[in-house]
């Protein structure tokens, strides 16, 4: 079940903005065919829920982020794993 108790599929998807940076979005589906972006999460409703560090920050994921992996924990909360690359080309 999702946060509202409904049996829905949940997916974190990857999108690329006009600036070339990769971002994560969140969507749900009752049937696995029709998907709806989740509104009210992230800075813009229905927009990205996550992106790597800003380009002016020297961080391990300031280049790009990818390969999202969403895991539901026994407590019912979710954990998002991802691969990040720095502008220096190192991947973690």
N, C-alpha and C. Protein backbone atom coordinates (compact mmCIF):
# COMPACT_ATOMS: atom_id res chain seq x y z
N UNK A 1 0.82 -1.21 0.00
CA UNK A 1 0.00 0.00 0.00
C UNK A 1 0.86 1.27 0.00
N UNK A 2 0.35 2.33 -0.63
CA UNK A 2 1.07 3.60 -0.64
C UNK A 2 0.76 4.35 0.66
N UNK A 3 1.19 5.60 0.74
CA UNK A 3 1.03 6.39 1.96
C UNK A 3 -0.43 6.56 2.36
N UNK A 4 -1.35 6.51 1.40
CA UNK A 4 -2.78 6.65 1.70
C UNK A 4 -3.45 5.30 1.96
N UNK A 5 -2.70 4.20 1.90
CA UNK A 5 -3.25 2.89 2.16
C UNK A 5 -3.78 2.18 0.93
N UNK A 6 -3.70 2.80 -0.24
CA UNK A 6 -4.18 2.17 -1.47
C UNK A 6 -3.09 1.27 -2.05
N UNK A 7 -3.51 0.20 -2.69
CA UNK A 7 -2.56 -0.68 -3.36
C UNK A 7 -2.21 -0.08 -4.71
N UNK A 8 -1.11 0.63 -4.76
CA UNK A 8 -0.66 1.31 -5.99
C UNK A 8 0.82 1.02 -6.18
N UNK A 9 1.22 0.99 -7.42
CA UNK A 9 2.63 0.87 -7.76
C UNK A 9 3.28 2.24 -7.62
N UNK A 10 4.51 2.27 -7.17
CA UNK A 10 5.25 3.52 -7.00
C UNK A 10 6.54 3.40 -7.79
N UNK A 11 6.89 4.46 -8.53
CA UNK A 11 8.12 4.44 -9.31
C UNK A 11 8.84 5.78 -9.16
N UNK A 12 10.15 5.70 -9.05
CA UNK A 12 10.99 6.89 -9.15
C UNK A 12 11.59 6.82 -10.54
N UNK A 13 11.40 7.89 -11.31
CA UNK A 13 11.89 7.88 -12.69
C UNK A 13 12.94 8.97 -12.87
N UNK A 14 13.71 8.82 -13.93
CA UNK A 14 14.79 9.75 -14.23
C UNK A 14 14.42 10.62 -15.42
N UNK A 15 14.65 11.91 -15.29
CA UNK A 15 14.41 12.84 -16.38
C UNK A 15 15.63 13.75 -16.52
N UNK A 16 15.77 14.33 -17.69
CA UNK A 16 16.89 15.23 -17.96
C UNK A 16 16.33 16.60 -18.31
N UNK A 17 16.78 17.63 -17.58
CA UNK A 17 16.32 18.99 -17.82
C UNK A 17 17.02 19.62 -19.01
N UNK A 18 16.54 20.80 -19.41
CA UNK A 18 17.14 21.53 -20.52
C UNK A 18 18.60 21.87 -20.25
N UNK A 19 18.97 21.92 -18.96
CA UNK A 19 20.36 22.22 -18.59
C UNK A 19 21.25 20.98 -18.63
N UNK A 20 20.68 19.81 -18.99
CA UNK A 20 21.45 18.58 -19.08
C UNK A 20 21.60 17.83 -17.77
N UNK A 21 21.09 18.39 -16.67
CA UNK A 21 21.19 17.71 -15.37
C UNK A 21 20.06 16.70 -15.22
N UNK A 22 20.41 15.57 -14.62
CA UNK A 22 19.45 14.51 -14.38
C UNK A 22 18.74 14.76 -13.06
N UNK A 23 17.43 14.49 -13.04
CA UNK A 23 16.62 14.68 -11.84
C UNK A 23 15.70 13.48 -11.66
N UNK A 24 15.14 13.32 -10.45
CA UNK A 24 14.23 12.23 -10.14
C UNK A 24 12.82 12.76 -9.98
N UNK A 25 11.87 12.02 -10.51
CA UNK A 25 10.46 12.30 -10.31
C UNK A 25 9.80 11.11 -9.64
N UNK A 26 8.59 11.29 -9.16
CA UNK A 26 7.85 10.23 -8.46
C UNK A 26 6.47 10.12 -9.09
N UNK A 27 6.04 8.88 -9.37
CA UNK A 27 4.72 8.64 -9.95
C UNK A 27 4.12 7.38 -9.35
N UNK A 28 2.79 7.28 -9.43
CA UNK A 28 2.08 6.09 -8.95
C UNK A 28 1.12 5.60 -10.02
N UNK A 29 0.73 4.34 -9.89
CA UNK A 29 -0.20 3.73 -10.84
C UNK A 29 -1.00 2.64 -10.16
N UNK A 30 -2.25 2.52 -10.54
CA UNK A 30 -3.09 1.43 -10.04
C UNK A 30 -2.95 0.18 -10.89
N UNK A 31 -2.57 0.36 -12.18
CA UNK A 31 -2.55 -0.77 -13.10
C UNK A 31 -1.21 -1.01 -13.79
N UNK A 32 -0.23 -0.15 -13.57
CA UNK A 32 1.08 -0.31 -14.21
C UNK A 32 1.11 0.18 -15.65
N UNK A 33 -0.02 0.69 -16.14
CA UNK A 33 -0.09 1.21 -17.51
C UNK A 33 -0.23 2.73 -17.49
N UNK A 34 -1.17 3.23 -16.73
CA UNK A 34 -1.39 4.67 -16.61
C UNK A 34 -0.70 5.17 -15.34
N UNK A 35 0.17 6.16 -15.49
CA UNK A 35 0.95 6.70 -14.38
C UNK A 35 0.60 8.15 -14.14
N UNK A 36 0.61 8.57 -12.88
CA UNK A 36 0.35 9.95 -12.49
C UNK A 36 1.52 10.46 -11.66
N UNK A 37 2.04 11.64 -12.04
CA UNK A 37 3.07 12.27 -11.22
C UNK A 37 2.47 12.60 -9.87
N UNK A 38 3.24 12.41 -8.82
CA UNK A 38 2.77 12.73 -7.48
C UNK A 38 2.89 14.23 -7.25
N UNK A 39 1.77 14.87 -6.97
CA UNK A 39 1.76 16.32 -6.73
C UNK A 39 2.11 16.60 -5.27
N UNK A 40 2.66 17.77 -5.03
CA UNK A 40 2.93 18.17 -3.66
C UNK A 40 4.23 17.68 -3.09
N UNK A 41 5.08 17.07 -3.91
CA UNK A 41 6.41 16.68 -3.44
C UNK A 41 7.45 17.44 -4.24
N UNK A 42 8.54 17.74 -3.64
CA UNK A 42 9.58 18.48 -4.33
C UNK A 42 9.27 19.96 -4.36
N UNK A 43 10.16 20.75 -4.92
CA UNK A 43 9.98 22.19 -4.94
C UNK A 43 8.81 22.65 -5.82
N UNK A 44 8.48 21.90 -6.85
CA UNK A 44 7.35 22.22 -7.73
C UNK A 44 6.41 21.02 -7.73
N UNK A 45 5.11 21.23 -7.41
CA UNK A 45 4.18 20.10 -7.41
C UNK A 45 4.24 19.32 -8.73
N UNK A 46 4.46 18.03 -8.63
CA UNK A 46 4.56 17.19 -9.83
C UNK A 46 5.90 17.29 -10.51
N UNK A 47 6.80 18.11 -9.98
CA UNK A 47 8.13 18.27 -10.57
C UNK A 47 9.14 17.34 -9.92
N UNK A 48 10.41 17.61 -10.11
CA UNK A 48 11.44 16.73 -9.55
C UNK A 48 11.36 16.64 -8.03
N UNK A 49 11.63 15.46 -7.52
CA UNK A 49 11.69 15.28 -6.07
C UNK A 49 13.13 15.29 -5.58
N UNK A 50 14.09 15.16 -6.52
CA UNK A 50 15.48 15.07 -6.11
C UNK A 50 16.39 15.38 -7.28
N UNK A 51 17.50 16.03 -6.97
CA UNK A 51 18.58 16.22 -7.94
C UNK A 51 19.88 16.26 -7.16
N UNK A 52 20.98 16.10 -7.85
CA UNK A 52 22.28 16.13 -7.19
C UNK A 52 22.61 17.51 -6.66
N UNK A 53 23.76 17.60 -6.02
CA UNK A 53 24.21 18.88 -5.45
C UNK A 53 24.34 19.93 -6.55
N UNK A 54 24.21 21.18 -6.17
CA UNK A 54 24.38 22.28 -7.12
C UNK A 54 25.78 22.25 -7.72
N UNK A 55 25.89 22.72 -8.96
CA UNK A 55 27.17 22.66 -9.68
C UNK A 55 28.25 23.49 -9.00
N UNK A 56 27.88 24.48 -8.21
CA UNK A 56 28.90 25.31 -7.55
C UNK A 56 29.32 24.75 -6.19
N UNK A 57 28.84 23.56 -5.85
CA UNK A 57 29.21 22.91 -4.59
C UNK A 57 30.15 21.75 -4.93
N UNK A 58 31.24 21.64 -4.21
CA UNK A 58 32.19 20.55 -4.45
C UNK A 58 31.71 19.31 -3.69
N UNK A 59 30.81 18.55 -4.31
CA UNK A 59 30.23 17.37 -3.67
C UNK A 59 30.38 16.15 -4.57
N UNK A 60 30.23 14.98 -3.97
CA UNK A 60 30.41 13.74 -4.72
C UNK A 60 29.34 13.55 -5.79
N UNK A 61 28.20 14.25 -5.69
CA UNK A 61 27.14 14.11 -6.69
C UNK A 61 26.80 15.45 -7.35
N UNK A 62 27.79 16.34 -7.48
CA UNK A 62 27.53 17.65 -8.10
C UNK A 62 27.54 17.61 -9.62
N UNK A 63 27.88 16.48 -10.21
CA UNK A 63 27.86 16.35 -11.67
C UNK A 63 26.50 15.89 -12.15
N UNK A 64 26.11 14.70 -11.76
CA UNK A 64 24.81 14.15 -12.12
C UNK A 64 24.45 13.03 -11.17
N UNK A 65 23.19 12.64 -11.21
CA UNK A 65 22.70 11.51 -10.45
C UNK A 65 21.93 10.60 -11.39
N UNK A 66 21.93 9.31 -11.12
CA UNK A 66 21.24 8.37 -12.00
C UNK A 66 20.95 7.06 -11.30
N UNK A 67 20.37 6.15 -12.04
CA UNK A 67 20.07 4.81 -11.59
C UNK A 67 19.31 4.80 -10.26
N UNK A 68 18.14 5.42 -10.19
CA UNK A 68 17.41 5.44 -8.93
C UNK A 68 16.91 4.04 -8.55
N UNK A 69 16.98 3.73 -7.26
CA UNK A 69 16.51 2.46 -6.74
C UNK A 69 15.74 2.76 -5.47
N UNK A 70 14.43 2.57 -5.50
CA UNK A 70 13.55 2.87 -4.40
C UNK A 70 13.24 1.59 -3.63
N UNK A 71 13.46 1.61 -2.32
CA UNK A 71 13.26 0.43 -1.48
C UNK A 71 12.28 0.77 -0.36
N UNK A 72 11.27 -0.06 -0.19
CA UNK A 72 10.32 0.13 0.91
C UNK A 72 10.87 -0.58 2.14
N UNK A 73 10.97 0.11 3.25
CA UNK A 73 11.49 -0.44 4.48
C UNK A 73 10.37 -1.09 5.28
N UNK A 74 10.74 -1.94 6.23
CA UNK A 74 9.75 -2.65 7.05
C UNK A 74 8.85 -1.68 7.80
N UNK A 75 9.35 -0.50 8.12
CA UNK A 75 8.57 0.51 8.84
C UNK A 75 7.48 1.13 7.97
N UNK A 76 7.54 0.90 6.64
CA UNK A 76 6.59 1.50 5.72
C UNK A 76 7.15 2.74 5.04
N UNK A 77 8.28 3.24 5.51
CA UNK A 77 8.90 4.39 4.85
C UNK A 77 9.72 3.91 3.66
N UNK A 78 10.21 4.86 2.88
CA UNK A 78 10.96 4.54 1.67
C UNK A 78 12.38 5.06 1.77
N UNK A 79 13.30 4.38 1.09
CA UNK A 79 14.68 4.84 1.00
C UNK A 79 15.07 4.84 -0.48
N UNK A 80 15.69 5.93 -0.93
CA UNK A 80 16.12 6.07 -2.32
C UNK A 80 17.64 5.96 -2.40
N UNK A 81 18.11 4.99 -3.16
CA UNK A 81 19.53 4.85 -3.44
C UNK A 81 19.76 5.35 -4.86
N UNK A 82 20.95 5.86 -5.14
CA UNK A 82 21.25 6.35 -6.48
C UNK A 82 22.76 6.40 -6.69
N UNK A 83 23.15 6.49 -7.94
CA UNK A 83 24.55 6.67 -8.30
C UNK A 83 24.77 8.15 -8.56
N UNK A 84 25.85 8.69 -8.05
CA UNK A 84 26.17 10.09 -8.29
C UNK A 84 27.56 10.22 -8.90
N UNK A 85 27.74 11.22 -9.72
CA UNK A 85 29.06 11.51 -10.25
C UNK A 85 29.42 12.97 -9.94
N UNK A 86 30.69 13.18 -9.71
CA UNK A 86 31.14 14.55 -9.47
C UNK A 86 31.52 15.18 -10.80
N UNK A 87 31.65 16.50 -10.79
CA UNK A 87 32.10 17.19 -12.00
C UNK A 87 33.52 16.76 -12.36
N UNK A 88 34.21 16.18 -11.40
CA UNK A 88 35.58 15.71 -11.62
C UNK A 88 35.59 14.33 -12.26
N UNK A 89 34.39 13.74 -12.45
CA UNK A 89 34.29 12.46 -13.16
C UNK A 89 34.29 11.23 -12.28
N UNK A 90 34.32 11.40 -10.98
CA UNK A 90 34.32 10.23 -10.10
C UNK A 90 32.89 9.80 -9.83
N UNK A 91 32.65 8.51 -9.84
CA UNK A 91 31.32 7.96 -9.55
C UNK A 91 31.32 7.29 -8.19
N UNK A 92 30.19 7.41 -7.48
CA UNK A 92 30.03 6.75 -6.17
C UNK A 92 28.72 6.00 -6.21
